Amino acid sequence: MQERIAVIDFETTGISPSSSCRATEIAVVIMEQGVIVERYQSLMNAGVRIPAFIESLTGISNAMLRTAPPAERVMNEVAEFVGSTPLVAHNAAFDQKFWDYEFSRIKRTREQSFACSMLLARRLMPSAPNHKLGTLTSWAGLPATGKAHRALADAEMAANLTAHLSRALRETHGVAGVSHQLLCTLQKVPAKKIAEAITKHRGC
């Protein structure tokens, strides 16, 4: 992929954002020409307690959050860092919910769309054992990036996966220019019609 994209990942206290379920960490990696060129990562204190099982999963403790910057400050920094750069996440429906919720709390509105590396992997890597980020990373022989369930490691894994999917579109499927818009289009195509959609795109 040639254009600049922002790959994001949240760690959170649960699965659906609300006043009692908030983000605890965010990371963003900026990619240009398929290479990570910038990174942003921060814990964020939203004033909510992390359940014990989430603390165990992520390694992010309530003690760590006590000294973390306020969520509002972090999200304002993230908004300035990302700007209008197109967004990507693995299982983007999850991250998009938290992005939009945290943005609403600082009176901002998302301008750009999300591409989802999980939906794309289901279509372009159908023989993978499953489409969890860690499984796809190992299965495709992509580099390990650190501890799973920490935002920066997961954002870097998702970025590497997105670059891998872009290469597959170019090298395996003959797509000359892989754009964020194309990824957003392909992730909505039923898996059994993906070859047809790619062929149609190549003919444009």
N, C-alpha and C. Protein backbone atom coordinates (compact mmCIF):
# COMPACT_ATOMS: atom_id res chain seq x y z
N MET A 1 0.85 -1.19 0.00
CA MET A 1 0.00 0.00 0.00
C MET A 1 0.88 1.24 0.00
N GLN A 2 0.59 2.15 -0.92
CA GLN A 2 1.44 3.33 -1.08
C GLN A 2 1.04 4.46 -0.12
N GLU A 3 -0.25 4.62 0.11
CA GLU A 3 -0.70 5.79 0.87
C GLU A 3 -0.44 5.65 2.36
N ARG A 4 -0.48 6.77 3.05
CA ARG A 4 -0.27 6.82 4.50
C ARG A 4 -1.53 6.30 5.19
N ILE A 5 -1.37 5.36 6.13
CA ILE A 5 -2.49 4.84 6.92
C ILE A 5 -2.11 4.83 8.39
N ALA A 6 -3.11 4.86 9.26
CA ALA A 6 -2.91 4.80 10.71
C ALA A 6 -3.56 3.52 11.23
N VAL A 7 -2.75 2.65 11.79
CA VAL A 7 -3.24 1.38 12.34
C VAL A 7 -3.34 1.54 13.85
N ILE A 8 -4.53 1.29 14.40
CA ILE A 8 -4.74 1.57 15.82
C ILE A 8 -5.13 0.31 16.60
N ASP A 9 -4.93 0.38 17.91
CA ASP A 9 -5.39 -0.67 18.81
C ASP A 9 -5.68 -0.07 20.18
N PHE A 10 -6.81 -0.47 20.75
CA PHE A 10 -7.18 -0.10 22.12
C PHE A 10 -7.06 -1.31 23.03
N GLU A 11 -6.65 -1.09 24.27
CA GLU A 11 -6.94 -2.01 25.36
C GLU A 11 -8.04 -1.35 26.19
N THR A 12 -8.97 -2.13 26.70
CA THR A 12 -10.15 -1.59 27.35
C THR A 12 -10.53 -2.41 28.58
N THR A 13 -11.52 -1.91 29.33
CA THR A 13 -11.98 -2.66 30.51
C THR A 13 -13.12 -3.61 30.18
N GLY A 14 -13.57 -3.64 28.93
CA GLY A 14 -14.67 -4.53 28.54
C GLY A 14 -14.89 -4.44 27.05
N ILE A 15 -16.05 -4.92 26.58
CA ILE A 15 -16.25 -5.03 25.13
C ILE A 15 -17.13 -3.95 24.54
N SER A 16 -17.85 -3.19 25.37
CA SER A 16 -18.74 -2.18 24.83
C SER A 16 -18.58 -0.88 25.59
N PRO A 17 -18.22 0.21 24.91
CA PRO A 17 -17.91 1.45 25.64
C PRO A 17 -19.12 2.06 26.34
N SER A 18 -18.89 2.54 27.54
CA SER A 18 -19.92 3.22 28.33
C SER A 18 -19.20 3.99 29.42
N SER A 19 -19.96 4.65 30.29
CA SER A 19 -19.32 5.40 31.38
C SER A 19 -18.54 4.49 32.32
N SER A 20 -18.91 3.19 32.35
CA SER A 20 -18.21 2.26 33.23
C SER A 20 -17.28 1.31 32.47
N CYS A 21 -17.23 1.41 31.15
CA CYS A 21 -16.36 0.56 30.32
C CYS A 21 -15.59 1.47 29.38
N ARG A 22 -14.31 1.63 29.64
CA ARG A 22 -13.53 2.64 28.92
C ARG A 22 -12.21 2.05 28.42
N ALA A 23 -11.57 2.82 27.58
CA ALA A 23 -10.23 2.47 27.10
C ALA A 23 -9.19 2.70 28.20
N THR A 24 -8.19 1.82 28.24
CA THR A 24 -7.09 1.96 29.21
C THR A 24 -5.76 2.23 28.53
N GLU A 25 -5.68 1.94 27.24
CA GLU A 25 -4.43 2.17 26.49
C GLU A 25 -4.78 2.28 25.02
N ILE A 26 -4.02 3.11 24.30
CA ILE A 26 -4.16 3.21 22.86
C ILE A 26 -2.78 3.28 22.23
N ALA A 27 -2.67 2.69 21.06
CA ALA A 27 -1.46 2.83 20.25
C ALA A 27 -1.86 3.07 18.80
N VAL A 28 -1.06 3.87 18.14
CA VAL A 28 -1.23 4.14 16.71
C VAL A 28 0.12 4.00 16.04
N VAL A 29 0.16 3.25 14.94
CA VAL A 29 1.37 3.23 14.11
C VAL A 29 1.01 3.76 12.74
N ILE A 30 1.82 4.67 12.25
CA ILE A 30 1.63 5.26 10.92
C ILE A 30 2.49 4.48 9.93
N MET A 31 1.85 4.06 8.84
CA MET A 31 2.59 3.35 7.78
C MET A 31 2.61 4.19 6.51
N GLU A 32 3.77 4.19 5.86
CA GLU A 32 3.92 4.78 4.54
C GLU A 32 4.69 3.79 3.68
N GLN A 33 4.22 3.57 2.47
CA GLN A 33 4.87 2.61 1.56
C GLN A 33 4.99 1.23 2.22
N GLY A 34 4.03 0.88 3.09
CA GLY A 34 4.05 -0.43 3.73
C GLY A 34 5.01 -0.56 4.89
N VAL A 35 5.61 0.56 5.33
CA VAL A 35 6.61 0.53 6.42
C VAL A 35 6.14 1.44 7.55
N ILE A 36 6.34 0.98 8.80
CA ILE A 36 5.98 1.81 9.96
C ILE A 36 6.98 2.96 10.07
N VAL A 37 6.45 4.18 10.09
CA VAL A 37 7.34 5.36 10.13
C VAL A 37 7.16 6.20 11.40
N GLU A 38 6.02 6.05 12.09
CA GLU A 38 5.78 6.80 13.33
C GLU A 38 4.94 5.95 14.27
N ARG A 39 5.10 6.21 15.57
CA ARG A 39 4.34 5.47 16.58
C ARG A 39 3.84 6.43 17.67
N TYR A 40 2.67 6.12 18.22
CA TYR A 40 2.16 6.81 19.41
C TYR A 40 1.58 5.73 20.32
N GLN A 41 1.90 5.81 21.60
CA GLN A 41 1.34 4.85 22.55
C GLN A 41 1.19 5.53 23.90
N SER A 42 0.07 5.29 24.58
CA SER A 42 -0.09 5.82 25.93
C SER A 42 -1.14 5.03 26.69
N LEU A 43 -0.87 4.82 27.97
CA LEU A 43 -1.95 4.42 28.88
C LEU A 43 -2.87 5.63 29.03
N MET A 44 -4.10 5.39 29.47
CA MET A 44 -5.05 6.49 29.63
C MET A 44 -5.96 6.22 30.83
N ASN A 45 -6.05 7.22 31.70
CA ASN A 45 -6.83 7.08 32.93
C ASN A 45 -8.21 7.70 32.71
N ALA A 46 -9.21 6.81 32.62
CA ALA A 46 -10.59 7.27 32.42
C ALA A 46 -11.39 7.22 33.71
N GLY A 47 -10.70 6.93 34.82
CA GLY A 47 -11.40 6.92 36.12
C GLY A 47 -12.26 5.70 36.36
N VAL A 48 -12.00 4.61 35.62
CA VAL A 48 -12.76 3.37 35.84
C VAL A 48 -11.80 2.29 36.32
N ARG A 49 -12.38 1.30 36.98
CA ARG A 49 -11.56 0.23 37.54
C ARG A 49 -11.43 -0.91 36.53
N ILE A 50 -10.23 -1.49 36.46
CA ILE A 50 -10.00 -2.63 35.56
C ILE A 50 -10.39 -3.91 36.29
N PRO A 51 -11.29 -4.72 35.70
CA PRO A 51 -11.63 -6.01 36.32
C PRO A 51 -10.40 -6.91 36.40
N ALA A 52 -10.39 -7.81 37.37
CA ALA A 52 -9.21 -8.66 37.61
C ALA A 52 -8.84 -9.49 36.38
N PHE A 53 -9.83 -10.02 35.67
CA PHE A 53 -9.50 -10.88 34.53
C PHE A 53 -8.90 -10.09 33.37
N ILE A 54 -9.29 -8.82 33.22
CA ILE A 54 -8.70 -7.96 32.19
C ILE A 54 -7.28 -7.58 32.59
N GLU A 55 -7.09 -7.32 33.89
CA GLU A 55 -5.75 -7.01 34.40
C GLU A 55 -4.81 -8.18 34.13
N SER A 56 -5.32 -9.39 34.34
CA SER A 56 -4.52 -10.59 34.10
C SER A 56 -4.23 -10.78 32.61
N LEU A 57 -5.20 -10.47 31.75
CA LEU A 57 -5.06 -10.64 30.30
C LEU A 57 -4.05 -9.66 29.72
N THR A 58 -4.16 -8.39 30.11
CA THR A 58 -3.36 -7.35 29.47
C THR A 58 -2.08 -7.02 30.22
N GLY A 59 -2.08 -7.27 31.54
CA GLY A 59 -0.94 -6.85 32.35
C GLY A 59 -1.01 -5.38 32.73
N ILE A 60 -2.11 -4.71 32.34
CA ILE A 60 -2.30 -3.31 32.73
C ILE A 60 -3.05 -3.30 34.06
N SER A 61 -2.44 -2.71 35.08
CA SER A 61 -3.02 -2.76 36.42
C SER A 61 -3.69 -1.44 36.78
N ASN A 62 -4.54 -1.48 37.78
CA ASN A 62 -5.15 -0.25 38.29
C ASN A 62 -4.09 0.71 38.82
N ALA A 63 -3.02 0.15 39.40
CA ALA A 63 -1.93 1.00 39.90
C ALA A 63 -1.26 1.75 38.75
N MET A 64 -1.10 1.09 37.60
CA MET A 64 -0.49 1.74 36.44
C MET A 64 -1.35 2.90 35.95
N LEU A 65 -2.66 2.72 35.99
CA LEU A 65 -3.56 3.77 35.49
C LEU A 65 -3.61 4.98 36.40
N ARG A 66 -3.32 4.78 37.69
CA ARG A 66 -3.39 5.91 38.61
C ARG A 66 -2.42 7.03 38.23
N THR A 67 -1.30 6.66 37.62
CA THR A 67 -0.31 7.67 37.22
C THR A 67 -0.36 7.97 35.71
N ALA A 68 -1.34 7.38 35.01
CA ALA A 68 -1.47 7.61 33.56
C ALA A 68 -2.14 8.95 33.29
N PRO A 69 -1.88 9.55 32.13
CA PRO A 69 -2.54 10.82 31.80
C PRO A 69 -4.05 10.63 31.60
N PRO A 70 -4.84 11.69 31.80
CA PRO A 70 -6.28 11.59 31.63
C PRO A 70 -6.65 11.17 30.20
N ALA A 71 -7.72 10.37 30.08
CA ALA A 71 -8.16 9.88 28.77
C ALA A 71 -8.39 11.02 27.79
N GLU A 72 -8.97 12.13 28.27
CA GLU A 72 -9.28 13.26 27.38
C GLU A 72 -8.01 13.83 26.77
N ARG A 73 -6.94 13.95 27.58
CA ARG A 73 -5.68 14.49 27.05
C ARG A 73 -5.10 13.54 26.00
N VAL A 74 -5.12 12.25 26.31
CA VAL A 74 -4.57 11.25 25.39
C VAL A 74 -5.33 11.27 24.06
N MET A 75 -6.65 11.30 24.12
CA MET A 75 -7.43 11.25 22.88
C MET A 75 -7.24 12.52 22.06
N ASN A 76 -7.07 13.66 22.71
CA ASN A 76 -6.78 14.88 21.96
C ASN A 76 -5.41 14.78 21.27
N GLU A 77 -4.44 14.20 21.97
CA GLU A 77 -3.12 13.99 21.35
C GLU A 77 -3.22 13.03 20.16
N VAL A 78 -3.98 11.96 20.34
CA VAL A 78 -4.17 10.97 19.26
C VAL A 78 -4.85 11.62 18.06
N ALA A 79 -5.87 12.43 18.33
CA ALA A 79 -6.59 13.10 17.25
C ALA A 79 -5.64 13.96 16.43
N GLU A 80 -4.75 14.68 17.10
CA GLU A 80 -3.79 15.53 16.39
C GLU A 80 -2.75 14.69 15.66
N PHE A 81 -2.36 13.58 16.26
CA PHE A 81 -1.35 12.70 15.66
C PHE A 81 -1.88 12.06 14.37
N VAL A 82 -3.13 11.62 14.40
CA VAL A 82 -3.72 10.90 13.26
C VAL A 82 -4.24 11.86 12.20
N GLY A 83 -4.87 12.96 12.63
CA GLY A 83 -5.46 13.88 11.67
C GLY A 83 -6.53 13.19 10.84
N SER A 84 -6.46 13.34 9.53
CA SER A 84 -7.46 12.73 8.65
C SER A 84 -6.93 11.46 7.97
N THR A 85 -5.81 10.92 8.49
CA THR A 85 -5.22 9.71 7.91
C THR A 85 -6.21 8.55 7.98
N PRO A 86 -6.39 7.77 6.90
CA PRO A 86 -7.30 6.62 6.92
C PRO A 86 -6.90 5.62 8.01
N LEU A 87 -7.90 4.99 8.61
CA LEU A 87 -7.70 4.13 9.78
C LEU A 87 -7.82 2.64 9.43
N VAL A 88 -7.05 1.84 10.16
CA VAL A 88 -7.10 0.38 10.05
C VAL A 88 -7.03 -0.19 11.46
N ALA A 89 -7.76 -1.28 11.70
CA ALA A 89 -7.64 -2.01 12.97
C ALA A 89 -7.99 -3.47 12.71
N HIS A 90 -7.52 -4.35 13.61
CA HIS A 90 -7.89 -5.76 13.52
C HIS A 90 -9.14 -5.96 14.39
N ASN A 91 -10.20 -6.46 13.76
CA ASN A 91 -11.53 -6.45 14.38
C ASN A 91 -11.94 -4.99 14.61
N ALA A 92 -11.98 -4.26 13.50
CA ALA A 92 -12.19 -2.81 13.55
C ALA A 92 -13.51 -2.41 14.19
N ALA A 93 -14.52 -3.27 14.12
CA ALA A 93 -15.81 -2.93 14.73
C ALA A 93 -15.64 -2.63 16.21
N PHE A 94 -14.74 -3.36 16.87
CA PHE A 94 -14.47 -3.14 18.29
C PHE A 94 -13.76 -1.81 18.51
N ASP A 95 -12.65 -1.60 17.81
CA ASP A 95 -11.85 -0.38 18.02
C ASP A 95 -12.63 0.86 17.58
N GLN A 96 -13.41 0.73 16.51
CA GLN A 96 -14.19 1.87 16.04
C GLN A 96 -15.18 2.35 17.10
N LYS A 97 -15.81 1.41 17.80
CA LYS A 97 -16.76 1.78 18.87
C LYS A 97 -16.08 2.63 19.94
N PHE A 98 -14.88 2.17 20.35
CA PHE A 98 -14.18 2.91 21.40
C PHE A 98 -13.61 4.23 20.87
N TRP A 99 -13.13 4.23 19.65
CA TRP A 99 -12.64 5.48 19.03
C TRP A 99 -13.76 6.52 19.02
N ASP A 100 -14.92 6.12 18.52
CA ASP A 100 -16.04 7.06 18.39
C ASP A 100 -16.53 7.52 19.77
N TYR A 101 -16.57 6.59 20.73
CA TYR A 101 -17.03 6.94 22.08
C TYR A 101 -16.06 7.93 22.74
N GLU A 102 -14.77 7.61 22.67
CA GLU A 102 -13.78 8.49 23.31
C GLU A 102 -13.72 9.84 22.58
N PHE A 103 -13.89 9.83 21.26
CA PHE A 103 -13.95 11.10 20.53
C PHE A 103 -15.15 11.92 20.96
N SER A 104 -16.29 11.26 21.16
CA SER A 104 -17.51 12.01 21.55
C SER A 104 -17.31 12.72 22.88
N ARG A 105 -16.49 12.14 23.75
CA ARG A 105 -16.26 12.73 25.06
C ARG A 105 -15.38 13.99 25.00
N ILE A 106 -14.63 14.14 23.89
CA ILE A 106 -13.82 15.34 23.73
C ILE A 106 -14.40 16.22 22.61
N LYS A 107 -15.68 15.96 22.29
CA LYS A 107 -16.41 16.79 21.30
C LYS A 107 -15.75 16.78 19.92
N ARG A 108 -15.27 15.61 19.54
CA ARG A 108 -14.72 15.44 18.18
C ARG A 108 -15.53 14.39 17.45
N THR A 109 -15.43 14.41 16.13
CA THR A 109 -16.13 13.43 15.29
C THR A 109 -15.14 12.82 14.31
N ARG A 110 -15.19 11.51 14.19
CA ARG A 110 -14.30 10.83 13.23
C ARG A 110 -14.70 11.21 11.80
N GLU A 111 -13.70 11.54 10.99
CA GLU A 111 -13.95 11.91 9.59
C GLU A 111 -13.76 10.73 8.64
N GLN A 112 -12.84 9.82 9.00
CA GLN A 112 -12.41 8.81 8.05
C GLN A 112 -12.98 7.43 8.38
N SER A 113 -12.93 6.54 7.39
CA SER A 113 -13.46 5.19 7.58
C SER A 113 -12.37 4.26 8.12
N PHE A 114 -12.81 3.12 8.65
CA PHE A 114 -11.93 2.06 9.15
C PHE A 114 -11.88 0.92 8.14
N ALA A 115 -10.69 0.46 7.83
CA ALA A 115 -10.53 -0.84 7.17
C ALA A 115 -10.23 -1.87 8.27
N CYS A 116 -10.66 -3.10 8.05
CA CYS A 116 -10.52 -4.15 9.07
C CYS A 116 -9.63 -5.27 8.56
N SER A 117 -8.47 -5.44 9.19
CA SER A 117 -7.54 -6.49 8.74
C SER A 117 -8.08 -7.88 9.02
N MET A 118 -8.98 -8.03 9.99
CA MET A 118 -9.57 -9.35 10.26
C MET A 118 -10.53 -9.74 9.14
N LEU A 119 -11.42 -8.83 8.74
CA LEU A 119 -12.35 -9.13 7.65
C LEU A 119 -11.59 -9.40 6.36
N LEU A 120 -10.54 -8.62 6.11
CA LEU A 120 -9.75 -8.82 4.89
C LEU A 120 -9.02 -10.16 4.93
N ALA A 121 -8.48 -10.52 6.09
CA ALA A 121 -7.78 -11.81 6.22
C ALA A 121 -8.74 -12.98 5.99
N ARG A 122 -9.97 -12.86 6.44
CA ARG A 122 -10.95 -13.93 6.19
C ARG A 122 -11.16 -14.16 4.71
N ARG A 123 -11.02 -13.08 3.92
CA ARG A 123 -11.24 -13.19 2.48
C ARG A 123 -9.97 -13.55 1.72
N LEU A 124 -8.83 -13.04 2.18
CA LEU A 124 -7.57 -13.23 1.44
C LEU A 124 -6.69 -14.32 2.02
N MET A 125 -6.97 -14.77 3.25
CA MET A 125 -6.21 -15.87 3.87
C MET A 125 -7.19 -16.92 4.39
N PRO A 126 -8.03 -17.47 3.50
CA PRO A 126 -9.11 -18.36 3.96
C PRO A 126 -8.62 -19.67 4.57
N SER A 127 -7.40 -20.08 4.25
CA SER A 127 -6.92 -21.36 4.77
C SER A 127 -6.20 -21.24 6.12
N ALA A 128 -6.11 -20.02 6.67
CA ALA A 128 -5.51 -19.85 8.01
C ALA A 128 -6.33 -20.62 9.04
N PRO A 129 -5.68 -21.12 10.10
CA PRO A 129 -6.40 -21.91 11.11
C PRO A 129 -7.55 -21.14 11.76
N ASN A 130 -7.33 -19.87 12.03
CA ASN A 130 -8.38 -18.95 12.47
C ASN A 130 -7.89 -17.54 12.13
N HIS A 131 -8.68 -16.56 12.44
CA HIS A 131 -8.31 -15.22 12.01
C HIS A 131 -8.04 -14.27 13.19
N LYS A 132 -7.56 -14.87 14.30
CA LYS A 132 -7.05 -14.07 15.40
C LYS A 132 -5.71 -13.47 14.97
N LEU A 133 -5.41 -12.31 15.50
CA LEU A 133 -4.22 -11.58 15.08
C LEU A 133 -2.94 -12.37 15.31
N GLY A 134 -2.81 -12.96 16.49
CA GLY A 134 -1.60 -13.73 16.80
C GLY A 134 -1.46 -14.95 15.90
N THR A 135 -2.56 -15.64 15.62
CA THR A 135 -2.53 -16.82 14.75
C THR A 135 -2.10 -16.43 13.35
N LEU A 136 -2.68 -15.37 12.81
CA LEU A 136 -2.35 -14.93 11.45
C LEU A 136 -0.89 -14.50 11.35
N THR A 137 -0.41 -13.83 12.40
CA THR A 137 1.00 -13.39 12.42
C THR A 137 1.93 -14.59 12.34
N SER A 138 1.67 -15.61 13.16
CA SER A 138 2.51 -16.82 13.15
C SER A 138 2.37 -17.57 11.83
N TRP A 139 1.13 -17.74 11.39
CA TRP A 139 0.84 -18.53 10.19
C TRP A 139 1.48 -17.92 8.95
N ALA A 140 1.51 -16.59 8.88
CA ALA A 140 2.09 -15.90 7.72
C ALA A 140 3.59 -15.67 7.87
N GLY A 141 4.15 -16.06 9.03
CA GLY A 141 5.58 -15.88 9.24
C GLY A 141 5.98 -14.43 9.42
N LEU A 142 5.08 -13.64 9.99
CA LEU A 142 5.37 -12.22 10.21
C LEU A 142 6.11 -12.04 11.53
N PRO A 143 6.84 -10.94 11.70
CA PRO A 143 7.66 -10.79 12.91
C PRO A 143 6.83 -10.63 14.18
N ALA A 144 7.34 -11.21 15.27
CA ALA A 144 6.73 -10.99 16.58
C ALA A 144 7.00 -9.54 16.99
N THR A 145 6.03 -8.92 17.64
CA THR A 145 6.17 -7.49 17.97
C THR A 145 6.15 -7.22 19.47
N GLY A 146 6.00 -8.25 20.29
CA GLY A 146 5.96 -8.03 21.74
C GLY A 146 4.78 -8.74 22.36
N LYS A 147 4.44 -8.36 23.55
CA LYS A 147 3.37 -9.02 24.32
C LYS A 147 2.01 -8.73 23.72
N ALA A 148 1.27 -9.80 23.39
CA ALA A 148 -0.10 -9.63 22.89
C ALA A 148 -0.96 -8.99 23.98
N HIS A 149 -2.02 -8.33 23.55
CA HIS A 149 -2.94 -7.62 24.46
C HIS A 149 -2.28 -6.41 25.13
N ARG A 150 -1.24 -5.90 24.49
CA ARG A 150 -0.77 -4.55 24.77
C ARG A 150 -0.89 -3.78 23.46
N ALA A 151 -1.31 -2.54 23.57
CA ALA A 151 -1.78 -1.82 22.39
C ALA A 151 -0.71 -1.67 21.31
N LEU A 152 0.52 -1.32 21.69
CA LEU A 152 1.53 -1.08 20.66
C LEU A 152 1.91 -2.37 19.94
N ALA A 153 2.09 -3.44 20.68
CA ALA A 153 2.43 -4.73 20.06
C ALA A 153 1.32 -5.16 19.09
N ASP A 154 0.08 -5.01 19.51
CA ASP A 154 -1.05 -5.42 18.66
C ASP A 154 -1.20 -4.51 17.45
N ALA A 155 -0.99 -3.20 17.62
CA ALA A 155 -1.07 -2.27 16.49
C ALA A 155 0.03 -2.59 15.47
N GLU A 156 1.23 -2.90 15.95
CA GLU A 156 2.31 -3.24 15.03
C GLU A 156 2.03 -4.56 14.32
N MET A 157 1.47 -5.54 15.04
CA MET A 157 1.09 -6.80 14.40
C MET A 157 0.05 -6.57 13.31
N ALA A 158 -0.96 -5.74 13.62
CA ALA A 158 -2.01 -5.45 12.64
C ALA A 158 -1.44 -4.69 11.44
N ALA A 159 -0.47 -3.81 11.69
CA ALA A 159 0.18 -3.09 10.59
C ALA A 159 0.95 -4.05 9.68
N ASN A 160 1.70 -4.96 10.29
CA ASN A 160 2.45 -5.94 9.50
C ASN A 160 1.50 -6.83 8.70
N LEU A 161 0.37 -7.19 9.32
CA LEU A 161 -0.62 -8.02 8.62
C LEU A 161 -1.23 -7.25 7.45
N THR A 162 -1.52 -5.98 7.66
CA THR A 162 -2.09 -5.16 6.58
C THR A 162 -1.12 -5.06 5.42
N ALA A 163 0.16 -4.89 5.72
CA ALA A 163 1.18 -4.86 4.66
C ALA A 163 1.24 -6.19 3.92
N HIS A 164 1.12 -7.29 4.67
CA HIS A 164 1.12 -8.64 4.08
C HIS A 164 -0.09 -8.82 3.15
N LEU A 165 -1.26 -8.37 3.59
CA LEU A 165 -2.47 -8.48 2.77
C LEU A 165 -2.34 -7.62 1.51
N SER A 166 -1.74 -6.46 1.64
CA SER A 166 -1.53 -5.59 0.48
C SER A 166 -0.59 -6.24 -0.53
N ARG A 167 0.47 -6.89 0.00
CA ARG A 167 1.39 -7.61 -0.90
C ARG A 167 0.67 -8.74 -1.62
N ALA A 168 -0.19 -9.45 -0.89
CA ALA A 168 -0.94 -10.56 -1.51
C ALA A 168 -1.83 -10.03 -2.63
N LEU A 169 -2.45 -8.89 -2.43
CA LEU A 169 -3.30 -8.31 -3.48
C LEU A 169 -2.46 -7.95 -4.70
N ARG A 170 -1.26 -7.43 -4.48
CA ARG A 170 -0.40 -7.05 -5.60
C ARG A 170 0.20 -8.27 -6.29
N GLU A 171 0.82 -9.16 -5.49
CA GLU A 171 1.63 -10.23 -6.06
C GLU A 171 0.82 -11.46 -6.45
N THR A 172 -0.20 -11.78 -5.66
CA THR A 172 -0.99 -12.99 -5.95
C THR A 172 -2.19 -12.67 -6.84
N HIS A 173 -2.77 -11.50 -6.60
CA HIS A 173 -4.01 -11.17 -7.33
C HIS A 173 -3.82 -10.12 -8.41
N GLY A 174 -2.59 -9.60 -8.57
CA GLY A 174 -2.30 -8.70 -9.68
C GLY A 174 -2.93 -7.32 -9.58
N VAL A 175 -3.19 -6.86 -8.35
CA VAL A 175 -3.76 -5.52 -8.17
C VAL A 175 -2.61 -4.52 -8.13
N ALA A 176 -2.59 -3.60 -9.07
CA ALA A 176 -1.45 -2.67 -9.18
C ALA A 176 -1.43 -1.66 -8.03
N GLY A 177 -2.53 -0.99 -7.78
CA GLY A 177 -2.58 0.03 -6.73
C GLY A 177 -3.52 -0.36 -5.61
N VAL A 178 -2.97 -0.71 -4.45
CA VAL A 178 -3.80 -1.10 -3.31
C VAL A 178 -4.05 0.14 -2.46
N SER A 179 -5.29 0.57 -2.39
CA SER A 179 -5.65 1.77 -1.63
C SER A 179 -6.47 1.39 -0.40
N HIS A 180 -6.55 2.31 0.54
CA HIS A 180 -7.41 2.12 1.71
C HIS A 180 -8.86 1.93 1.26
N GLN A 181 -9.27 2.68 0.26
CA GLN A 181 -10.64 2.55 -0.25
C GLN A 181 -10.90 1.15 -0.79
N LEU A 182 -9.91 0.57 -1.49
CA LEU A 182 -10.07 -0.79 -1.99
C LEU A 182 -10.24 -1.78 -0.83
N LEU A 183 -9.42 -1.62 0.22
CA LEU A 183 -9.55 -2.51 1.38
C LEU A 183 -10.95 -2.40 1.99
N CYS A 184 -11.46 -1.17 2.10
CA CYS A 184 -12.80 -0.97 2.67
C CYS A 184 -13.86 -1.62 1.79
N THR A 185 -13.65 -1.60 0.47
CA THR A 185 -14.60 -2.23 -0.45
C THR A 185 -14.54 -3.75 -0.34
N LEU A 186 -13.33 -4.31 -0.37
CA LEU A 186 -13.18 -5.77 -0.37
C LEU A 186 -13.66 -6.41 0.93
N GLN A 187 -13.52 -5.70 2.07
CA GLN A 187 -13.93 -6.31 3.34
C GLN A 187 -15.44 -6.52 3.42
N LYS A 188 -16.19 -5.86 2.54
CA LYS A 188 -17.65 -6.01 2.53
C LYS A 188 -18.12 -7.06 1.52
N VAL A 189 -17.20 -7.56 0.70
CA VAL A 189 -17.57 -8.53 -0.34
C VAL A 189 -17.66 -9.92 0.29
N PRO A 190 -18.73 -10.70 0.01
CA PRO A 190 -18.78 -12.07 0.52
C PRO A 190 -17.54 -12.86 0.08
N ALA A 191 -17.04 -13.70 0.97
CA ALA A 191 -15.78 -14.42 0.71
C ALA A 191 -15.82 -15.17 -0.61
N LYS A 192 -16.96 -15.78 -0.94
CA LYS A 192 -17.03 -16.58 -2.17
C LYS A 192 -17.01 -15.73 -3.43
N LYS A 193 -17.18 -14.41 -3.29
CA LYS A 193 -17.18 -13.53 -4.45
C LYS A 193 -15.94 -12.63 -4.52
N ILE A 194 -14.96 -12.92 -3.65
CA ILE A 194 -13.81 -12.02 -3.56
C ILE A 194 -12.97 -12.05 -4.84
N ALA A 195 -12.77 -13.23 -5.44
CA ALA A 195 -11.98 -13.32 -6.67
C ALA A 195 -12.63 -12.51 -7.78
N GLU A 196 -13.95 -12.62 -7.86
CA GLU A 196 -14.70 -11.87 -8.87
C GLU A 196 -14.54 -10.36 -8.65
N ALA A 197 -14.61 -9.93 -7.40
CA ALA A 197 -14.49 -8.50 -7.08
C ALA A 197 -13.10 -7.98 -7.42
N ILE A 198 -12.07 -8.78 -7.14
CA ILE A 198 -10.71 -8.37 -7.46
C ILE A 198 -10.51 -8.28 -8.97
N THR A 199 -11.04 -9.27 -9.70
CA THR A 199 -10.94 -9.26 -11.16
C THR A 199 -11.63 -8.01 -11.73
N LYS A 200 -12.77 -7.69 -11.18
CA LYS A 200 -13.52 -6.51 -11.64
C LYS A 200 -12.70 -5.24 -11.36
N HIS A 201 -12.07 -5.18 -10.18
CA HIS A 201 -11.26 -4.02 -9.84
C HIS A 201 -10.08 -3.88 -10.79
N ARG A 202 -9.43 -5.01 -11.12
CA ARG A 202 -8.28 -4.96 -12.02
C ARG A 202 -8.67 -4.44 -13.40
N GLY A 203 -9.91 -4.70 -13.79
CA GLY A 203 -10.38 -4.29 -15.11
C GLY A 203 -10.82 -2.84 -15.18
N CYS A 204 -10.85 -2.17 -14.02
CA CYS A 204 -11.31 -0.78 -14.01
C CYS A 204 -10.31 0.14 -14.69
